[in-house]
């Protein structure tokens, strides 16, 4: 094997290794998938999705679309929003499986349920 051929082979190997490294780095740099999310709109004195089924790790966001204040309070004390004015949001991430009933503390007839299934 000639010296020129050995140098060319070495340079080609280095080039291929560099390309492979760039590919690995590019794959690592891709954004992780967004965590699961669900939305509940509050309007006309109701939770517009009164029963929502999600997986553990899902963040549920309630948005007050009414022109009067509301709250989101779990029946078992797991979560509680501040008073939500028009356009305000409240989010809670459900880490474990279970059934979570909630209501508006200002208007207790407003109720909903989040079902978390693995």
C-alpha atoms as a PDB file:
ATOM      1  CA  UNK A   1       0.000   0.000   0.000  1.00  0.00           C
ATOM      2  CA  UNK A   2       1.371   3.385  -0.935  1.00  0.00           C
ATOM      3  CA  UNK A   3       1.827   6.195   1.522  1.00  0.00           C
ATOM      4  CA  UNK A   4      -0.609   8.416  -0.436  1.00  0.00           C
ATOM      5  CA  UNK A   5      -3.266   5.686  -0.328  1.00  0.00           C
ATOM      6  CA  UNK A   6      -2.826   5.252   3.459  1.00  0.00           C
ATOM      7  CA  UNK A   7      -3.214   9.005   4.014  1.00  0.00           C
ATOM      8  CA  UNK A   8      -6.309   9.101   1.785  1.00  0.00           C
ATOM      9  CA  UNK A   9      -7.820   6.114   3.642  1.00  0.00           C
ATOM     10  CA  UNK A  10      -7.111   7.764   7.016  1.00  0.00           C
ATOM     11  CA  UNK A  11      -8.631  11.071   5.869  1.00  0.00           C
ATOM     12  CA  UNK A  12     -11.718   9.273   4.579  1.00  0.00           C
ATOM     13  CA  UNK A  13     -12.110   7.450   7.911  1.00  0.00           C
ATOM     14  CA  UNK A  14     -11.830  10.714   9.831  1.00  0.00           C
ATOM     15  CA  UNK A  15     -14.376  12.345   7.518  1.00  0.00           C
ATOM     16  CA  UNK A  16     -16.834   9.471   7.928  1.00  0.00           C
ATOM     17  CA  UNK A  17     -16.383   9.519  11.715  1.00  0.00           C
ATOM     18  CA  UNK A  18     -17.089  13.258  11.713  1.00  0.00           C
ATOM     19  CA  UNK A  19     -20.246  12.792   9.659  1.00  0.00           C
ATOM     20  CA  UNK A  20     -21.411  10.022  11.996  1.00  0.00           C
ATOM     21  CA  UNK A  21     -20.701  12.204  15.036  1.00  0.00           C
ATOM     22  CA  UNK A  22     -22.682  15.100  13.524  1.00  0.00           C
ATOM     23  CA  UNK A  23     -25.608  12.766  12.887  1.00  0.00           C
ATOM     24  CA  UNK A  24     -25.583  11.534  16.490  1.00  0.00           C
ATOM     25  CA  UNK A  25     -25.395  15.092  17.847  1.00  0.00           C
ATOM     26  CA  UNK A  26     -28.242  16.182  15.560  1.00  0.00           C
ATOM     27  CA  UNK A  27     -30.423  13.326  16.832  1.00  0.00           C
ATOM     28  CA  UNK A  28     -29.627  14.263  20.436  1.00  0.00           C
ATOM     29  CA  UNK A  29     -30.468  17.908  19.774  1.00  0.00           C
ATOM     30  CA  UNK A  30     -33.978  17.146  18.559  1.00  0.00           C
ATOM     31  CA  UNK A  31     -36.551  18.466  21.003  1.00  0.00           C
ATOM     32  CA  UNK A  32     -38.042  15.972  23.392  1.00  0.00           C
ATOM     33  CA  UNK A  33     -41.715  15.376  22.791  1.00  0.00           C
ATOM     34  CA  UNK A  34     -43.985  17.762  24.630  1.00  0.00           C
ATOM     35  CA  UNK A  35     -45.596  16.339  27.732  1.00  0.00           C
ATOM     36  CA  UNK A  36     -49.234  15.356  27.261  1.00  0.00           C
ATOM     37  CA  UNK A  37     -51.787  18.092  27.840  1.00  0.00           C
ATOM     38  CA  UNK A  38     -55.555  18.506  28.009  1.00  0.00           C
ATOM     39  CA  UNK A  39     -57.769  21.584  28.179  1.00  0.00           C
ATOM     40  CA  UNK A  40     -61.063  22.396  29.874  1.00  0.00           C
ATOM     41  CA  UNK A  41     -62.888  25.628  29.078  1.00  0.00           C
ATOM     42  CA  UNK A  42     -65.141  27.250  31.643  1.00  0.00           C
ATOM     43  CA  UNK A  43     -68.169  28.922  30.097  1.00  0.00           C
ATOM     44  CA  UNK A  44     -71.817  29.638  30.809  1.00  0.00           C
ATOM     45  CA  UNK A  45     -71.418  28.331  34.382  1.00  0.00           C
ATOM     46  CA  UNK A  46     -70.172  24.924  33.204  1.00  0.00           C
ATOM     47  CA  UNK A  47     -66.937  23.027  32.663  1.00  0.00           C
ATOM     48  CA  UNK A  48     -67.256  22.453  28.907  1.00  0.00           C
ATOM     49  CA  UNK A  49     -65.565  19.038  29.152  1.00  0.00           C
ATOM     50  CA  UNK A  50     -67.096  17.744  32.391  1.00  0.00           C
ATOM     51  CA  UNK A  51     -65.278  14.391  32.166  1.00  0.00           C
ATOM     52  CA  UNK A  52     -61.747  14.203  30.781  1.00  0.00           C
ATOM     53  CA  UNK A  53     -59.699  11.002  30.605  1.00  0.00           C
ATOM     54  CA  UNK A  54     -55.898  11.368  30.506  1.00  0.00           C
ATOM     55  CA  UNK A  55     -52.716   9.405  31.180  1.00  0.00           C
ATOM     56  CA  UNK A  56     -50.439   9.914  34.188  1.00  0.00           C
ATOM     57  CA  UNK A  57     -48.111  12.859  33.610  1.00  0.00           C
ATOM     58  CA  UNK A  58     -50.736  14.873  31.726  1.00  0.00           C
ATOM     59  CA  UNK A  59     -51.141  18.552  32.526  1.00  0.00           C
ATOM     60  CA  UNK A  60     -54.748  19.724  32.447  1.00  0.00           C
ATOM     61  CA  UNK A  61     -55.345  23.443  31.962  1.00  0.00           C
ATOM     62  CA  UNK A  62     -58.646  25.110  32.801  1.00  0.00           C
ATOM     63  CA  UNK A  63     -59.371  28.473  31.135  1.00  0.00           C
ATOM     64  CA  UNK A  64     -62.125  30.782  32.331  1.00  0.00           C
ATOM     65  CA  UNK A  65     -64.057  31.900  29.265  1.00  0.00           C
ATOM     66  CA  UNK A  66     -66.894  33.360  31.346  1.00  0.00           C
ATOM     67  CA  UNK A  67     -67.141  37.038  32.165  1.00  0.00           C
ATOM     68  CA  UNK A  68     -67.459  36.236  35.883  1.00  0.00           C
ATOM     69  CA  UNK A  69     -64.911  34.631  38.233  1.00  0.00           C
ATOM     70  CA  UNK A  70     -64.664  30.877  38.855  1.00  0.00           C
ATOM     71  CA  UNK A  71     -62.378  28.456  40.694  1.00  0.00           C
ATOM     72  CA  UNK A  72     -61.225  24.877  40.165  1.00  0.00           C
ATOM     73  CA  UNK A  73     -61.074  22.901  43.421  1.00  0.00           C
ATOM     74  CA  UNK A  74     -60.587  19.149  43.777  1.00  0.00           C
ATOM     75  CA  UNK A  75     -63.029  17.390  46.074  1.00  0.00           C
ATOM     76  CA  UNK A  76     -60.166  15.577  47.824  1.00  0.00           C
ATOM     77  CA  UNK A  77     -57.922  18.631  48.295  1.00  0.00           C
ATOM     78  CA  UNK A  78     -55.286  17.608  45.729  1.00  0.00           C
ATOM     79  CA  UNK A  79     -55.445  20.895  43.803  1.00  0.00           C
ATOM     80  CA  UNK A  80     -57.018  24.332  44.167  1.00  0.00           C
ATOM     81  CA  UNK A  81     -56.881  27.338  41.868  1.00  0.00           C
ATOM     82  CA  UNK A  82     -56.989  30.962  42.840  1.00  0.00           C
ATOM     83  CA  UNK A  83     -60.071  32.868  41.708  1.00  0.00           C
ATOM     84  CA  UNK A  84     -59.885  32.892  37.903  1.00  0.00           C
ATOM     85  CA  UNK A  85     -61.038  36.062  36.166  1.00  0.00           C
ATOM     86  CA  UNK A  86     -61.967  36.083  32.478  1.00  0.00           C
ATOM     87  CA  UNK A  87     -59.092  34.630  30.454  1.00  0.00           C
ATOM     88  CA  UNK A  88     -57.181  33.357  33.509  1.00  0.00           C
ATOM     89  CA  UNK A  89     -55.810  29.821  33.485  1.00  0.00           C
ATOM     90  CA  UNK A  90     -55.036  27.171  36.054  1.00  0.00           C
ATOM     91  CA  UNK A  91     -52.970  24.050  35.355  1.00  0.00           C
ATOM     92  CA  UNK A  92     -52.362  20.870  37.302  1.00  0.00           C
ATOM     93  CA  UNK A  93     -50.266  17.832  36.348  1.00  0.00           C
ATOM     94  CA  UNK A  94     -51.809  14.477  37.264  1.00  0.00           C
ATOM     95  CA  UNK A  95     -48.952  12.166  38.247  1.00  0.00           C
ATOM     96  CA  UNK A  96     -50.869   9.064  39.300  1.00  0.00           C
ATOM     97  CA  UNK A  97     -53.886   7.080  38.184  1.00  0.00           C
ATOM     98  CA  UNK A  98     -57.224   7.761  39.818  1.00  0.00           C
ATOM     99  CA  UNK A  99     -60.456   9.672  39.547  1.00  0.00           C
ATOM    100  CA  UNK A 100     -60.401  13.318  40.588  1.00  0.00           C
ATOM    101  CA  UNK A 101     -63.702  15.132  41.047  1.00  0.00           C
ATOM    102  CA  UNK A 102     -63.631  18.927  41.137  1.00  0.00           C
ATOM    103  CA  UNK A 103     -65.993  21.897  41.379  1.00  0.00           C
ATOM    104  CA  UNK A 104     -66.139  25.688  41.379  1.00  0.00           C
ATOM    105  CA  UNK A 105     -66.129  26.872  44.995  1.00  0.00           C
ATOM    106  CA  UNK A 106     -68.042  30.024  43.966  1.00  0.00           C
ATOM    107  CA  UNK A 107     -70.713  28.042  42.083  1.00  0.00           C
ATOM    108  CA  UNK A 108     -70.760  24.504  43.589  1.00  0.00           C
ATOM    109  CA  UNK A 109     -73.256  23.219  41.007  1.00  0.00           C
ATOM    110  CA  UNK A 110     -70.370  23.407  38.496  1.00  0.00           C
ATOM    111  CA  UNK A 111     -68.619  20.038  38.648  1.00  0.00           C
ATOM    112  CA  UNK A 112     -66.244  17.940  36.602  1.00  0.00           C
ATOM    113  CA  UNK A 113     -64.061  14.845  36.781  1.00  0.00           C
ATOM    114  CA  UNK A 114     -60.559  14.029  35.601  1.00  0.00           C
ATOM    115  CA  UNK A 115     -59.979  10.294  35.111  1.00  0.00           C
ATOM    116  CA  UNK A 116     -56.312   9.319  34.998  1.00  0.00           C
ATOM    117  CA  UNK A 117     -55.673   5.873  33.491  1.00  0.00           C
ATOM    118  CA  UNK A 118     -52.274   4.263  33.034  1.00  0.00           C
END
